[in-house]
């Protein structure tokens, strides 16, 4: 334990958060206790409370990690893609990769974000989560605006509602594809990848300007 005491606080917080993420992914957030997280991380319960106020703050730290990762993958996809359609496809691919690589973290990005700043129970990390969420909305909003200005996307799109619908649809498609893969294959005769490709195409058509429209 002597070596651990010399480590910076962030190293301890990271170790505890990783242990919590492993337990949450296996059993769900609600069923895991602080005692179990401490034991999984190799700490006493009292020591865990030195680094986190409780389970909610641990969940918050993981949610912040999830949101930052989402922001970064979207930013990279939008920078790498060419044209509105190419950037759209890059975003879909990046989200699909993220969900496949880290499904638990991806799911945390769908959690409700607390915006009740007047509540005494509000955690500092919740403000950070909100700020990153606004960065994501801005990224996707600019993508839509640029597509509208280029004449690729419908000119009547309402930016923030469309961003939310866009995210909800893509995330929902990927979660259904993961949880209902066997049904999709048996009932539809589609692979998971083919199902997702069809869903992505349907969503793109919902925001794209009709051919010949001016």
N, C-alpha and C. Protein backbone atom coordinates (compact mmCIF):
# COMPACT_ATOMS: atom_id res chain seq x y z
N UNK A 1 0.82 -1.21 0.00
CA UNK A 1 0.00 0.00 0.00
C UNK A 1 0.85 1.26 0.00
N UNK A 2 2.16 1.12 0.43
CA UNK A 2 3.05 2.27 0.47
C UNK A 2 3.22 2.89 -0.89
N UNK A 3 3.38 2.05 -1.93
CA UNK A 3 3.54 2.57 -3.29
C UNK A 3 2.32 3.34 -3.73
N UNK A 4 1.15 2.80 -3.40
CA UNK A 4 -0.10 3.46 -3.80
C UNK A 4 -0.23 4.84 -3.18
N UNK A 5 0.22 4.98 -1.91
CA UNK A 5 0.08 6.27 -1.23
C UNK A 5 0.87 7.36 -1.95
N UNK A 6 1.94 6.97 -2.64
CA UNK A 6 2.77 7.95 -3.33
C UNK A 6 2.21 8.32 -4.70
N UNK A 7 1.24 7.57 -5.18
CA UNK A 7 0.65 7.85 -6.48
C UNK A 7 -0.25 9.08 -6.40
N UNK A 8 -0.37 9.82 -7.52
CA UNK A 8 -1.27 10.99 -7.51
C UNK A 8 -2.72 10.55 -7.34
N UNK A 9 -3.54 11.48 -6.87
CA UNK A 9 -4.95 11.16 -6.61
C UNK A 9 -5.65 10.66 -7.87
N UNK A 10 -5.30 11.21 -9.02
CA UNK A 10 -5.95 10.79 -10.27
C UNK A 10 -5.70 9.32 -10.58
N UNK A 11 -4.54 8.82 -10.18
CA UNK A 11 -4.25 7.39 -10.41
C UNK A 11 -5.20 6.54 -9.58
N UNK A 12 -5.42 6.95 -8.34
CA UNK A 12 -6.35 6.21 -7.48
C UNK A 12 -7.78 6.31 -8.00
N UNK A 13 -8.17 7.50 -8.41
CA UNK A 13 -9.52 7.70 -8.94
C UNK A 13 -9.72 6.85 -10.20
N UNK A 14 -8.70 6.82 -11.04
CA UNK A 14 -8.80 6.02 -12.25
C UNK A 14 -8.94 4.55 -11.97
N UNK A 15 -8.17 4.06 -11.00
CA UNK A 15 -8.23 2.64 -10.66
C UNK A 15 -9.61 2.28 -10.09
N UNK A 16 -10.13 3.14 -9.25
CA UNK A 16 -11.45 2.89 -8.66
C UNK A 16 -12.53 2.94 -9.75
N UNK A 17 -12.44 3.93 -10.63
CA UNK A 17 -13.44 4.06 -11.70
C UNK A 17 -13.41 2.86 -12.64
N UNK A 18 -12.23 2.37 -12.96
CA UNK A 18 -12.12 1.20 -13.84
C UNK A 18 -12.74 -0.04 -13.19
N UNK A 19 -12.49 -0.19 -11.90
CA UNK A 19 -13.07 -1.32 -11.18
C UNK A 19 -14.60 -1.21 -11.16
N UNK A 20 -15.09 -0.01 -10.93
CA UNK A 20 -16.53 0.21 -10.92
C UNK A 20 -17.13 -0.08 -12.30
N UNK A 21 -16.46 0.37 -13.35
CA UNK A 21 -16.97 0.15 -14.71
C UNK A 21 -17.10 -1.33 -15.01
N UNK A 22 -16.12 -2.11 -14.56
CA UNK A 22 -16.16 -3.55 -14.80
C UNK A 22 -17.36 -4.18 -14.09
N UNK A 23 -17.61 -3.76 -12.86
CA UNK A 23 -18.76 -4.29 -12.11
C UNK A 23 -20.08 -3.81 -12.71
N UNK A 24 -20.15 -2.54 -13.07
CA UNK A 24 -21.38 -1.99 -13.65
C UNK A 24 -21.72 -2.70 -14.95
N UNK A 25 -20.69 -2.96 -15.76
CA UNK A 25 -20.93 -3.61 -17.06
C UNK A 25 -21.48 -5.02 -16.88
N UNK A 26 -21.03 -5.70 -15.83
CA UNK A 26 -21.48 -7.08 -15.60
C UNK A 26 -22.84 -7.14 -14.94
N UNK A 27 -23.11 -6.24 -14.01
CA UNK A 27 -24.29 -6.38 -13.17
C UNK A 27 -25.27 -5.22 -13.20
N UNK A 28 -24.89 -4.12 -13.83
CA UNK A 28 -25.75 -2.94 -13.83
C UNK A 28 -25.38 -2.00 -12.70
N UNK A 29 -25.57 -0.73 -12.92
CA UNK A 29 -25.15 0.28 -11.95
C UNK A 29 -25.89 0.13 -10.62
N UNK A 30 -27.19 -0.06 -10.67
CA UNK A 30 -28.00 -0.02 -9.45
C UNK A 30 -27.68 -1.15 -8.48
N UNK A 31 -27.24 -2.29 -8.98
CA UNK A 31 -27.05 -3.45 -8.10
C UNK A 31 -25.67 -3.49 -7.45
N UNK A 32 -24.78 -2.58 -7.79
CA UNK A 32 -23.41 -2.59 -7.26
C UNK A 32 -23.30 -1.62 -6.10
N UNK A 33 -22.64 -2.05 -5.02
CA UNK A 33 -22.48 -1.20 -3.85
C UNK A 33 -21.07 -0.60 -3.81
N UNK A 34 -20.94 0.43 -2.99
CA UNK A 34 -19.63 1.07 -2.80
C UNK A 34 -18.63 0.07 -2.22
N UNK A 35 -19.10 -0.77 -1.30
CA UNK A 35 -18.21 -1.79 -0.71
C UNK A 35 -17.65 -2.72 -1.78
N UNK A 36 -18.49 -3.10 -2.71
CA UNK A 36 -18.05 -4.00 -3.77
C UNK A 36 -17.05 -3.33 -4.71
N UNK A 37 -17.29 -2.05 -4.99
CA UNK A 37 -16.35 -1.31 -5.83
C UNK A 37 -14.98 -1.22 -5.14
N UNK A 38 -15.00 -0.88 -3.86
CA UNK A 38 -13.74 -0.78 -3.11
C UNK A 38 -12.99 -2.10 -3.12
N UNK A 39 -13.70 -3.17 -2.88
CA UNK A 39 -13.08 -4.49 -2.87
C UNK A 39 -12.50 -4.86 -4.23
N UNK A 40 -13.26 -4.56 -5.29
CA UNK A 40 -12.79 -4.86 -6.65
C UNK A 40 -11.52 -4.07 -6.99
N UNK A 41 -11.46 -2.84 -6.49
CA UNK A 41 -10.31 -1.97 -6.78
C UNK A 41 -9.13 -2.23 -5.85
N UNK A 42 -9.37 -2.99 -4.77
CA UNK A 42 -8.29 -3.27 -3.83
C UNK A 42 -8.11 -2.20 -2.77
N UNK A 43 -9.20 -1.51 -2.43
CA UNK A 43 -9.16 -0.46 -1.42
C UNK A 43 -10.15 -0.78 -0.30
N UNK A 44 -9.95 -0.13 0.83
CA UNK A 44 -10.97 -0.19 1.86
C UNK A 44 -12.07 0.80 1.49
N UNK A 45 -13.24 0.61 2.07
CA UNK A 45 -14.34 1.53 1.81
C UNK A 45 -13.97 2.95 2.25
N UNK A 46 -13.30 3.06 3.39
CA UNK A 46 -12.90 4.37 3.90
C UNK A 46 -11.94 5.07 2.93
N UNK A 47 -11.01 4.31 2.36
CA UNK A 47 -10.06 4.90 1.42
C UNK A 47 -10.76 5.35 0.14
N UNK A 48 -11.73 4.57 -0.32
CA UNK A 48 -12.48 4.97 -1.52
C UNK A 48 -13.12 6.34 -1.32
N UNK A 49 -13.64 6.57 -0.11
CA UNK A 49 -14.30 7.85 0.15
C UNK A 49 -13.33 9.03 0.20
N UNK A 50 -12.05 8.76 0.26
CA UNK A 50 -11.06 9.83 0.16
C UNK A 50 -11.06 10.41 -1.26
N UNK A 51 -11.35 9.56 -2.24
CA UNK A 51 -11.25 9.95 -3.65
C UNK A 51 -12.59 10.23 -4.32
N UNK A 52 -13.66 9.67 -3.79
CA UNK A 52 -15.00 9.89 -4.34
C UNK A 52 -15.98 10.09 -3.20
N UNK A 53 -16.97 10.96 -3.41
CA UNK A 53 -18.00 11.17 -2.40
C UNK A 53 -18.91 9.96 -2.24
N UNK A 54 -19.04 9.18 -3.30
CA UNK A 54 -19.90 8.01 -3.27
C UNK A 54 -20.07 7.44 -4.65
N UNK A 55 -21.00 6.52 -4.80
CA UNK A 55 -21.19 5.85 -6.08
C UNK A 55 -21.62 6.81 -7.17
N UNK A 56 -22.46 7.78 -6.83
CA UNK A 56 -22.94 8.71 -7.85
C UNK A 56 -21.80 9.50 -8.48
N UNK A 57 -20.82 9.86 -7.67
CA UNK A 57 -19.68 10.60 -8.23
C UNK A 57 -18.83 9.69 -9.13
N UNK A 58 -18.74 8.42 -8.77
CA UNK A 58 -18.01 7.46 -9.62
C UNK A 58 -18.72 7.33 -10.96
N UNK A 59 -20.04 7.18 -10.91
CA UNK A 59 -20.83 7.10 -12.15
C UNK A 59 -20.64 8.38 -12.96
N UNK A 60 -20.60 9.51 -12.26
CA UNK A 60 -20.40 10.78 -12.95
C UNK A 60 -19.05 10.84 -13.65
N UNK A 61 -18.01 10.36 -12.97
CA UNK A 61 -16.68 10.36 -13.57
C UNK A 61 -16.64 9.48 -14.81
N UNK A 62 -17.30 8.35 -14.76
CA UNK A 62 -17.35 7.46 -15.92
C UNK A 62 -18.19 8.07 -17.05
N UNK A 63 -19.27 8.74 -16.68
CA UNK A 63 -20.10 9.40 -17.69
C UNK A 63 -19.32 10.52 -18.38
N UNK A 64 -18.54 11.26 -17.61
CA UNK A 64 -17.71 12.31 -18.20
C UNK A 64 -16.70 11.71 -19.17
N UNK A 65 -16.08 10.60 -18.77
CA UNK A 65 -15.15 9.91 -19.67
C UNK A 65 -15.87 9.50 -20.95
N UNK A 66 -17.08 8.95 -20.80
CA UNK A 66 -17.86 8.52 -21.95
C UNK A 66 -18.18 9.68 -22.88
N UNK A 67 -18.60 10.80 -22.31
CA UNK A 67 -18.97 11.97 -23.12
C UNK A 67 -17.75 12.56 -23.82
N UNK A 68 -16.62 12.60 -23.14
CA UNK A 68 -15.41 13.12 -23.77
C UNK A 68 -14.98 12.22 -24.94
N UNK A 69 -15.09 10.94 -24.71
CA UNK A 69 -14.73 10.00 -25.78
C UNK A 69 -15.68 10.15 -26.97
N UNK A 70 -16.96 10.33 -26.68
CA UNK A 70 -17.94 10.54 -27.75
C UNK A 70 -17.63 11.81 -28.52
N UNK A 71 -17.36 12.89 -27.80
CA UNK A 71 -17.01 14.16 -28.45
C UNK A 71 -15.79 14.00 -29.36
N UNK A 72 -14.77 13.33 -28.85
CA UNK A 72 -13.54 13.18 -29.61
C UNK A 72 -13.73 12.32 -30.86
N UNK A 73 -14.53 11.25 -30.74
CA UNK A 73 -14.73 10.37 -31.90
C UNK A 73 -15.58 11.08 -32.95
N UNK A 74 -16.54 11.89 -32.52
CA UNK A 74 -17.35 12.65 -33.48
C UNK A 74 -16.51 13.73 -34.16
N UNK A 75 -15.68 14.41 -33.37
CA UNK A 75 -14.83 15.45 -33.93
C UNK A 75 -13.88 14.89 -34.98
N UNK A 76 -13.27 13.75 -34.68
CA UNK A 76 -12.35 13.11 -35.62
C UNK A 76 -13.08 12.67 -36.88
N UNK A 77 -14.27 12.09 -36.72
CA UNK A 77 -15.04 11.62 -37.87
C UNK A 77 -15.43 12.78 -38.79
N UNK A 78 -15.87 13.87 -38.19
CA UNK A 78 -16.28 15.03 -38.99
C UNK A 78 -15.09 15.66 -39.71
N UNK A 79 -13.91 15.58 -39.09
CA UNK A 79 -12.71 16.15 -39.72
C UNK A 79 -12.20 15.27 -40.86
N UNK A 80 -12.41 13.97 -40.74
CA UNK A 80 -11.88 13.03 -41.73
C UNK A 80 -12.80 12.86 -42.94
N UNK A 81 -14.10 13.00 -42.73
CA UNK A 81 -15.04 12.78 -43.82
C UNK A 81 -14.99 13.90 -44.86
N UNK A 82 -15.40 13.59 -46.08
CA UNK A 82 -15.42 14.58 -47.16
C UNK A 82 -16.86 14.76 -47.65
N UNK A 83 -17.32 16.01 -47.67
CA UNK A 83 -18.69 16.28 -48.09
C UNK A 83 -19.67 15.85 -47.01
N UNK A 84 -20.91 16.33 -47.12
CA UNK A 84 -21.92 16.04 -46.10
C UNK A 84 -22.15 14.54 -45.97
N UNK A 85 -22.27 13.84 -47.11
CA UNK A 85 -22.54 12.41 -47.04
C UNK A 85 -21.34 11.65 -46.47
N UNK A 86 -20.15 12.03 -46.90
CA UNK A 86 -18.96 11.36 -46.39
C UNK A 86 -18.78 11.57 -44.90
N UNK A 87 -19.09 12.76 -44.43
CA UNK A 87 -18.98 13.06 -43.00
C UNK A 87 -20.06 12.31 -42.21
N UNK A 88 -21.25 12.25 -42.78
CA UNK A 88 -22.33 11.48 -42.13
C UNK A 88 -21.92 10.02 -41.98
N UNK A 89 -21.40 9.43 -43.04
CA UNK A 89 -20.99 8.04 -42.99
C UNK A 89 -19.86 7.84 -41.97
N UNK A 90 -18.95 8.82 -41.90
CA UNK A 90 -17.85 8.73 -40.95
C UNK A 90 -18.36 8.79 -39.51
N UNK A 91 -19.36 9.63 -39.26
CA UNK A 91 -19.96 9.71 -37.92
C UNK A 91 -20.62 8.38 -37.55
N UNK A 92 -21.38 7.81 -38.48
CA UNK A 92 -22.04 6.52 -38.22
C UNK A 92 -21.01 5.44 -37.93
N UNK A 93 -19.94 5.43 -38.71
CA UNK A 93 -18.90 4.43 -38.50
C UNK A 93 -18.18 4.60 -37.17
N UNK A 94 -17.92 5.85 -36.80
CA UNK A 94 -17.24 6.12 -35.53
C UNK A 94 -18.09 5.71 -34.34
N UNK A 95 -19.38 6.01 -34.41
CA UNK A 95 -20.28 5.62 -33.32
C UNK A 95 -20.42 4.11 -33.24
N UNK A 96 -20.49 3.46 -34.38
CA UNK A 96 -20.59 2.01 -34.40
C UNK A 96 -19.34 1.38 -33.78
N UNK A 97 -18.19 1.94 -34.10
CA UNK A 97 -16.93 1.43 -33.54
C UNK A 97 -16.89 1.64 -32.02
N UNK A 98 -17.28 2.82 -31.58
CA UNK A 98 -17.29 3.13 -30.15
C UNK A 98 -18.23 2.19 -29.39
N UNK A 99 -19.43 2.01 -29.92
CA UNK A 99 -20.40 1.13 -29.24
C UNK A 99 -19.90 -0.31 -29.20
N UNK A 100 -19.24 -0.75 -30.26
CA UNK A 100 -18.74 -2.12 -30.28
C UNK A 100 -17.55 -2.32 -29.37
N UNK A 101 -16.72 -1.30 -29.26
CA UNK A 101 -15.50 -1.39 -28.45
C UNK A 101 -15.76 -1.20 -26.97
N UNK A 102 -16.69 -0.30 -26.63
CA UNK A 102 -16.95 0.01 -25.22
C UNK A 102 -18.45 0.20 -25.00
N UNK A 103 -19.23 -0.88 -25.06
CA UNK A 103 -20.69 -0.74 -24.97
C UNK A 103 -21.18 -0.11 -23.67
N UNK A 104 -20.51 -0.41 -22.57
CA UNK A 104 -20.97 0.18 -21.31
C UNK A 104 -20.77 1.69 -21.30
N UNK A 105 -19.58 2.14 -21.69
CA UNK A 105 -19.32 3.58 -21.74
C UNK A 105 -20.24 4.27 -22.73
N UNK A 106 -20.46 3.64 -23.87
CA UNK A 106 -21.37 4.20 -24.86
C UNK A 106 -22.76 4.40 -24.26
N UNK A 107 -23.22 3.40 -23.52
CA UNK A 107 -24.54 3.50 -22.89
C UNK A 107 -24.63 4.62 -21.88
N UNK A 108 -23.52 4.92 -21.20
CA UNK A 108 -23.54 6.00 -20.21
C UNK A 108 -23.81 7.35 -20.85
N UNK A 109 -23.43 7.50 -22.11
CA UNK A 109 -23.67 8.77 -22.81
C UNK A 109 -25.16 9.02 -23.02
N UNK A 110 -25.98 7.98 -22.86
CA UNK A 110 -27.42 8.12 -23.04
C UNK A 110 -28.14 8.46 -21.73
N UNK A 111 -27.40 8.47 -20.62
CA UNK A 111 -28.03 8.76 -19.34
C UNK A 111 -28.51 10.20 -19.27
N UNK A 112 -29.54 10.41 -18.46
CA UNK A 112 -30.05 11.77 -18.26
C UNK A 112 -28.97 12.63 -17.62
N UNK A 113 -28.84 13.87 -18.11
CA UNK A 113 -27.85 14.79 -17.56
C UNK A 113 -28.55 15.76 -16.62
N UNK A 114 -28.05 15.84 -15.39
CA UNK A 114 -28.63 16.75 -14.41
C UNK A 114 -28.30 18.19 -14.76
N UNK A 115 -29.32 19.06 -14.79
CA UNK A 115 -29.09 20.48 -15.06
C UNK A 115 -29.70 21.34 -13.94
N UNK A 116 -29.97 20.73 -12.81
CA UNK A 116 -30.52 21.46 -11.66
C UNK A 116 -29.36 22.02 -10.85
N UNK A 117 -28.81 23.15 -11.32
CA UNK A 117 -27.62 23.70 -10.68
C UNK A 117 -27.91 24.27 -9.29
N UNK A 118 -29.16 24.49 -8.96
CA UNK A 118 -29.50 25.05 -7.65
C UNK A 118 -29.55 23.99 -6.55
N UNK A 119 -29.62 22.73 -6.96
CA UNK A 119 -29.73 21.66 -5.97
C UNK A 119 -28.42 21.48 -5.20
N UNK A 120 -28.51 21.34 -3.88
CA UNK A 120 -27.29 21.11 -3.09
C UNK A 120 -26.66 19.75 -3.38
N UNK A 121 -27.42 18.87 -4.01
CA UNK A 121 -26.91 17.53 -4.33
C UNK A 121 -26.16 17.48 -5.66
N UNK A 122 -26.16 18.61 -6.39
CA UNK A 122 -25.47 18.63 -7.68
C UNK A 122 -23.97 18.48 -7.49
N UNK A 123 -23.38 17.56 -8.25
CA UNK A 123 -21.95 17.30 -8.16
C UNK A 123 -21.20 18.16 -9.17
N UNK A 124 -19.98 18.61 -8.83
CA UNK A 124 -19.18 19.39 -9.80
C UNK A 124 -19.01 18.68 -11.14
N UNK A 125 -18.87 17.35 -11.11
CA UNK A 125 -18.67 16.61 -12.36
C UNK A 125 -19.88 16.72 -13.28
N UNK A 126 -21.06 16.96 -12.71
CA UNK A 126 -22.26 17.08 -13.54
C UNK A 126 -22.23 18.34 -14.40
N UNK A 127 -21.61 19.39 -13.91
CA UNK A 127 -21.43 20.58 -14.73
C UNK A 127 -20.48 20.31 -15.89
N UNK A 128 -19.45 19.52 -15.62
CA UNK A 128 -18.51 19.16 -16.68
C UNK A 128 -19.18 18.30 -17.74
N UNK A 129 -20.01 17.36 -17.29
CA UNK A 129 -20.74 16.51 -18.24
C UNK A 129 -21.64 17.35 -19.13
N UNK A 130 -22.34 18.30 -18.52
CA UNK A 130 -23.23 19.18 -19.28
C UNK A 130 -22.44 19.98 -20.31
N UNK A 131 -21.28 20.50 -19.91
CA UNK A 131 -20.46 21.30 -20.82
C UNK A 131 -19.99 20.49 -22.02
N UNK A 132 -19.58 19.26 -21.77
CA UNK A 132 -19.15 18.40 -22.89
C UNK A 132 -20.34 18.07 -23.79
N UNK A 133 -21.50 17.84 -23.18
CA UNK A 133 -22.70 17.58 -23.97
C UNK A 133 -23.03 18.75 -24.89
N UNK A 134 -22.83 19.98 -24.40
CA UNK A 134 -23.06 21.15 -25.24
C UNK A 134 -22.04 21.23 -26.38
N UNK A 135 -20.81 20.81 -26.12
CA UNK A 135 -19.80 20.77 -27.18
C UNK A 135 -20.22 19.78 -28.28
N UNK A 136 -20.76 18.64 -27.86
CA UNK A 136 -21.24 17.64 -28.83
C UNK A 136 -22.39 18.20 -29.65
N UNK A 137 -23.34 18.86 -28.98
CA UNK A 137 -24.46 19.46 -29.70
C UNK A 137 -23.97 20.50 -30.70
N UNK A 138 -22.96 21.26 -30.30
CA UNK A 138 -22.42 22.28 -31.20
C UNK A 138 -21.73 21.65 -32.41
N UNK A 139 -20.97 20.59 -32.18
CA UNK A 139 -20.31 19.89 -33.28
C UNK A 139 -21.33 19.41 -34.32
N UNK A 140 -22.35 18.71 -33.83
CA UNK A 140 -23.35 18.16 -34.74
C UNK A 140 -24.22 19.25 -35.35
N UNK A 141 -24.47 20.30 -34.58
CA UNK A 141 -25.26 21.42 -35.10
C UNK A 141 -24.54 22.10 -36.25
N UNK A 142 -23.23 22.31 -36.11
CA UNK A 142 -22.47 22.93 -37.19
C UNK A 142 -22.43 22.03 -38.42
N UNK A 143 -22.35 20.73 -38.19
CA UNK A 143 -22.38 19.78 -39.32
C UNK A 143 -23.69 19.92 -40.09
N UNK A 144 -24.80 19.99 -39.38
CA UNK A 144 -26.09 20.14 -40.05
C UNK A 144 -26.20 21.49 -40.77
N UNK A 145 -25.75 22.55 -40.11
CA UNK A 145 -25.82 23.88 -40.73
C UNK A 145 -25.00 23.94 -42.01
N UNK A 146 -23.82 23.35 -41.98
CA UNK A 146 -22.97 23.35 -43.17
C UNK A 146 -23.61 22.55 -44.30
N UNK A 147 -24.26 21.45 -43.95
CA UNK A 147 -24.96 20.66 -44.96
C UNK A 147 -26.15 21.40 -45.55
N UNK A 148 -26.83 22.17 -44.70
CA UNK A 148 -27.96 22.97 -45.19
C UNK A 148 -27.46 24.09 -46.11
N UNK A 149 -26.37 24.73 -45.71
CA UNK A 149 -25.82 25.82 -46.52
C UNK A 149 -25.32 25.30 -47.87
N UNK A 150 -24.83 24.07 -47.89
CA UNK A 150 -24.34 23.48 -49.14
C UNK A 150 -25.47 22.97 -50.02
N UNK A 151 -26.69 22.97 -49.48
CA UNK A 151 -27.83 22.49 -50.24
C UNK A 151 -27.98 20.97 -50.21
N UNK A 152 -27.22 20.31 -49.33
CA UNK A 152 -27.29 18.84 -49.24
C UNK A 152 -28.41 18.40 -48.30
N UNK A 153 -28.59 19.15 -47.21
CA UNK A 153 -29.62 18.81 -46.24
C UNK A 153 -30.84 19.72 -46.42
N UNK A 154 -31.97 19.24 -45.96
CA UNK A 154 -33.21 20.01 -46.05
C UNK A 154 -33.04 21.38 -45.39
N UNK A 155 -33.57 22.42 -46.00
CA UNK A 155 -33.40 23.77 -45.43
C UNK A 155 -34.29 24.05 -44.23
N UNK A 156 -35.25 23.18 -43.96
CA UNK A 156 -36.21 23.44 -42.88
C UNK A 156 -35.87 22.72 -41.59
N UNK A 157 -34.66 22.15 -41.50
CA UNK A 157 -34.29 21.42 -40.29
C UNK A 157 -34.15 22.38 -39.11
N UNK A 158 -34.73 22.01 -37.98
CA UNK A 158 -34.51 22.75 -36.74
C UNK A 158 -33.30 22.11 -36.06
N UNK A 159 -32.28 22.91 -35.84
CA UNK A 159 -30.97 22.35 -35.51
C UNK A 159 -30.96 21.51 -34.23
N UNK A 160 -31.27 22.08 -33.09
CA UNK A 160 -31.13 21.31 -31.85
C UNK A 160 -32.09 20.12 -31.78
N UNK A 161 -33.38 20.28 -32.13
CA UNK A 161 -34.24 19.09 -32.16
C UNK A 161 -33.73 18.01 -33.10
N UNK A 162 -33.17 18.43 -34.24
CA UNK A 162 -32.65 17.45 -35.19
C UNK A 162 -31.41 16.75 -34.64
N UNK A 163 -30.55 17.50 -33.96
CA UNK A 163 -29.38 16.89 -33.33
C UNK A 163 -29.81 15.81 -32.33
N UNK A 164 -30.82 16.12 -31.51
CA UNK A 164 -31.29 15.16 -30.52
C UNK A 164 -31.92 13.94 -31.20
N UNK A 165 -32.73 14.17 -32.22
CA UNK A 165 -33.35 13.06 -32.94
C UNK A 165 -32.30 12.21 -33.64
N UNK A 166 -31.31 12.87 -34.20
CA UNK A 166 -30.21 12.22 -34.89
C UNK A 166 -29.48 11.28 -33.93
N UNK A 167 -29.11 11.81 -32.78
CA UNK A 167 -28.38 11.03 -31.78
C UNK A 167 -29.24 9.89 -31.24
N UNK A 168 -30.49 10.19 -30.92
CA UNK A 168 -31.38 9.17 -30.36
C UNK A 168 -31.60 8.03 -31.35
N UNK A 169 -31.75 8.37 -32.62
CA UNK A 169 -31.99 7.34 -33.63
C UNK A 169 -30.77 6.47 -33.85
N UNK A 170 -29.61 7.10 -33.99
CA UNK A 170 -28.38 6.33 -34.20
C UNK A 170 -28.07 5.44 -33.00
N UNK A 171 -28.17 6.01 -31.80
CA UNK A 171 -27.88 5.23 -30.61
C UNK A 171 -28.88 4.08 -30.45
N UNK A 172 -30.14 4.37 -30.71
CA UNK A 172 -31.17 3.33 -30.60
C UNK A 172 -30.94 2.22 -31.60
N UNK A 173 -30.60 2.57 -32.83
CA UNK A 173 -30.31 1.56 -33.85
C UNK A 173 -29.20 0.63 -33.40
N UNK A 174 -28.14 1.22 -32.87
CA UNK A 174 -26.99 0.40 -32.49
C UNK A 174 -27.28 -0.48 -31.28
N UNK A 175 -28.06 0.03 -30.35
CA UNK A 175 -28.41 -0.78 -29.19
C UNK A 175 -29.34 -1.92 -29.57
N UNK A 176 -30.30 -1.66 -30.44
CA UNK A 176 -31.20 -2.72 -30.90
C UNK A 176 -30.42 -3.76 -31.70
N UNK A 177 -29.51 -3.30 -32.56
CA UNK A 177 -28.72 -4.23 -33.36
C UNK A 177 -27.88 -5.15 -32.49
N UNK A 178 -27.41 -4.62 -31.35
CA UNK A 178 -26.59 -5.42 -30.44
C UNK A 178 -27.44 -6.39 -29.63
N UNK A 179 -28.59 -5.94 -29.15
CA UNK A 179 -29.39 -6.77 -28.26
C UNK A 179 -30.33 -7.73 -29.00
N UNK A 180 -30.65 -7.43 -30.25
CA UNK A 180 -31.59 -8.24 -31.03
C UNK A 180 -30.93 -8.86 -32.27
N UNK A 181 -29.64 -9.07 -32.19
CA UNK A 181 -28.91 -9.54 -33.37
C UNK A 181 -29.45 -10.87 -33.90
N UNK A 182 -29.74 -11.81 -33.01
CA UNK A 182 -30.22 -13.13 -33.44
C UNK A 182 -31.60 -13.01 -34.09
N UNK A 183 -32.46 -12.17 -33.51
CA UNK A 183 -33.79 -11.98 -34.09
C UNK A 183 -33.69 -11.35 -35.47
N UNK A 184 -32.84 -10.35 -35.59
CA UNK A 184 -32.67 -9.66 -36.88
C UNK A 184 -32.22 -10.64 -37.95
N UNK A 185 -31.30 -11.52 -37.59
CA UNK A 185 -30.80 -12.51 -38.55
C UNK A 185 -31.90 -13.51 -38.94
N UNK A 186 -32.65 -13.97 -37.93
CA UNK A 186 -33.65 -15.01 -38.19
C UNK A 186 -34.90 -14.44 -38.86
N UNK A 187 -35.43 -13.35 -38.36
CA UNK A 187 -36.70 -12.82 -38.86
C UNK A 187 -36.54 -11.96 -40.12
N UNK A 188 -35.41 -11.28 -40.24
CA UNK A 188 -35.22 -10.36 -41.36
C UNK A 188 -34.24 -10.89 -42.40
N UNK A 189 -33.48 -11.89 -42.01
CA UNK A 189 -32.46 -12.41 -42.92
C UNK A 189 -31.33 -11.43 -43.14
N UNK A 190 -31.09 -10.58 -42.14
CA UNK A 190 -30.05 -9.56 -42.26
C UNK A 190 -28.98 -9.76 -41.21
N UNK A 191 -27.75 -9.47 -41.59
CA UNK A 191 -26.69 -9.42 -40.60
C UNK A 191 -26.84 -8.13 -39.80
N UNK A 192 -26.17 -8.07 -38.68
CA UNK A 192 -26.19 -6.85 -37.87
C UNK A 192 -25.71 -5.66 -38.70
N UNK A 193 -24.65 -5.87 -39.46
CA UNK A 193 -24.07 -4.78 -40.26
C UNK A 193 -25.05 -4.30 -41.34
N UNK A 194 -25.76 -5.25 -41.98
CA UNK A 194 -26.71 -4.87 -43.02
C UNK A 194 -27.90 -4.11 -42.43
N UNK A 195 -28.35 -4.55 -41.26
CA UNK A 195 -29.45 -3.87 -40.58
C UNK A 195 -29.05 -2.43 -40.25
N UNK A 196 -27.85 -2.26 -39.71
CA UNK A 196 -27.38 -0.92 -39.37
C UNK A 196 -27.24 -0.05 -40.62
N UNK A 197 -26.69 -0.62 -41.68
CA UNK A 197 -26.51 0.15 -42.92
C UNK A 197 -27.85 0.66 -43.44
N UNK A 198 -28.88 -0.19 -43.36
CA UNK A 198 -30.21 0.22 -43.79
C UNK A 198 -30.78 1.32 -42.91
N UNK A 199 -30.56 1.19 -41.61
CA UNK A 199 -31.04 2.22 -40.69
C UNK A 199 -30.33 3.54 -40.89
N UNK A 200 -29.02 3.49 -41.09
CA UNK A 200 -28.26 4.71 -41.34
C UNK A 200 -28.74 5.41 -42.62
N UNK A 201 -29.05 4.60 -43.64
CA UNK A 201 -29.52 5.15 -44.91
C UNK A 201 -30.89 5.81 -44.74
N UNK A 202 -31.76 5.17 -43.96
CA UNK A 202 -33.09 5.75 -43.72
C UNK A 202 -32.99 7.08 -43.01
N UNK A 203 -32.10 7.16 -42.01
CA UNK A 203 -31.94 8.42 -41.28
C UNK A 203 -31.36 9.50 -42.20
N UNK A 204 -30.40 9.11 -43.03
CA UNK A 204 -29.81 10.11 -43.93
C UNK A 204 -30.88 10.68 -44.87
N UNK A 205 -31.74 9.83 -45.38
CA UNK A 205 -32.79 10.30 -46.29
C UNK A 205 -33.76 11.25 -45.58
N UNK A 206 -33.88 11.10 -44.27
CA UNK A 206 -34.80 11.97 -43.51
C UNK A 206 -34.27 13.39 -43.41
N UNK A 207 -32.96 13.56 -43.49
CA UNK A 207 -32.40 14.91 -43.37
C UNK A 207 -31.91 15.45 -44.71
N UNK A 208 -31.76 14.58 -45.71
CA UNK A 208 -31.23 15.02 -47.00
C UNK A 208 -32.28 15.76 -47.82
N UNK A 209 -31.82 16.71 -48.60
CA UNK A 209 -32.70 17.43 -49.50
C UNK A 209 -33.05 16.54 -50.68
N UNK A 210 -34.28 16.59 -51.11
CA UNK A 210 -34.70 15.76 -52.24
C UNK A 210 -33.98 16.18 -53.51
N UNK A 211 -33.67 15.19 -54.33
CA UNK A 211 -33.02 15.48 -55.61
C UNK A 211 -33.89 16.42 -56.45
N UNK A 212 -33.26 17.45 -56.98
CA UNK A 212 -33.99 18.38 -57.83
C UNK A 212 -34.66 19.51 -57.07
N UNK A 213 -34.72 19.41 -55.71
CA UNK A 213 -35.35 20.47 -54.92
C UNK A 213 -34.41 21.66 -54.83
N UNK A 214 -34.97 22.85 -54.85
CA UNK A 214 -34.18 24.08 -54.76
C UNK A 214 -34.84 25.03 -53.77
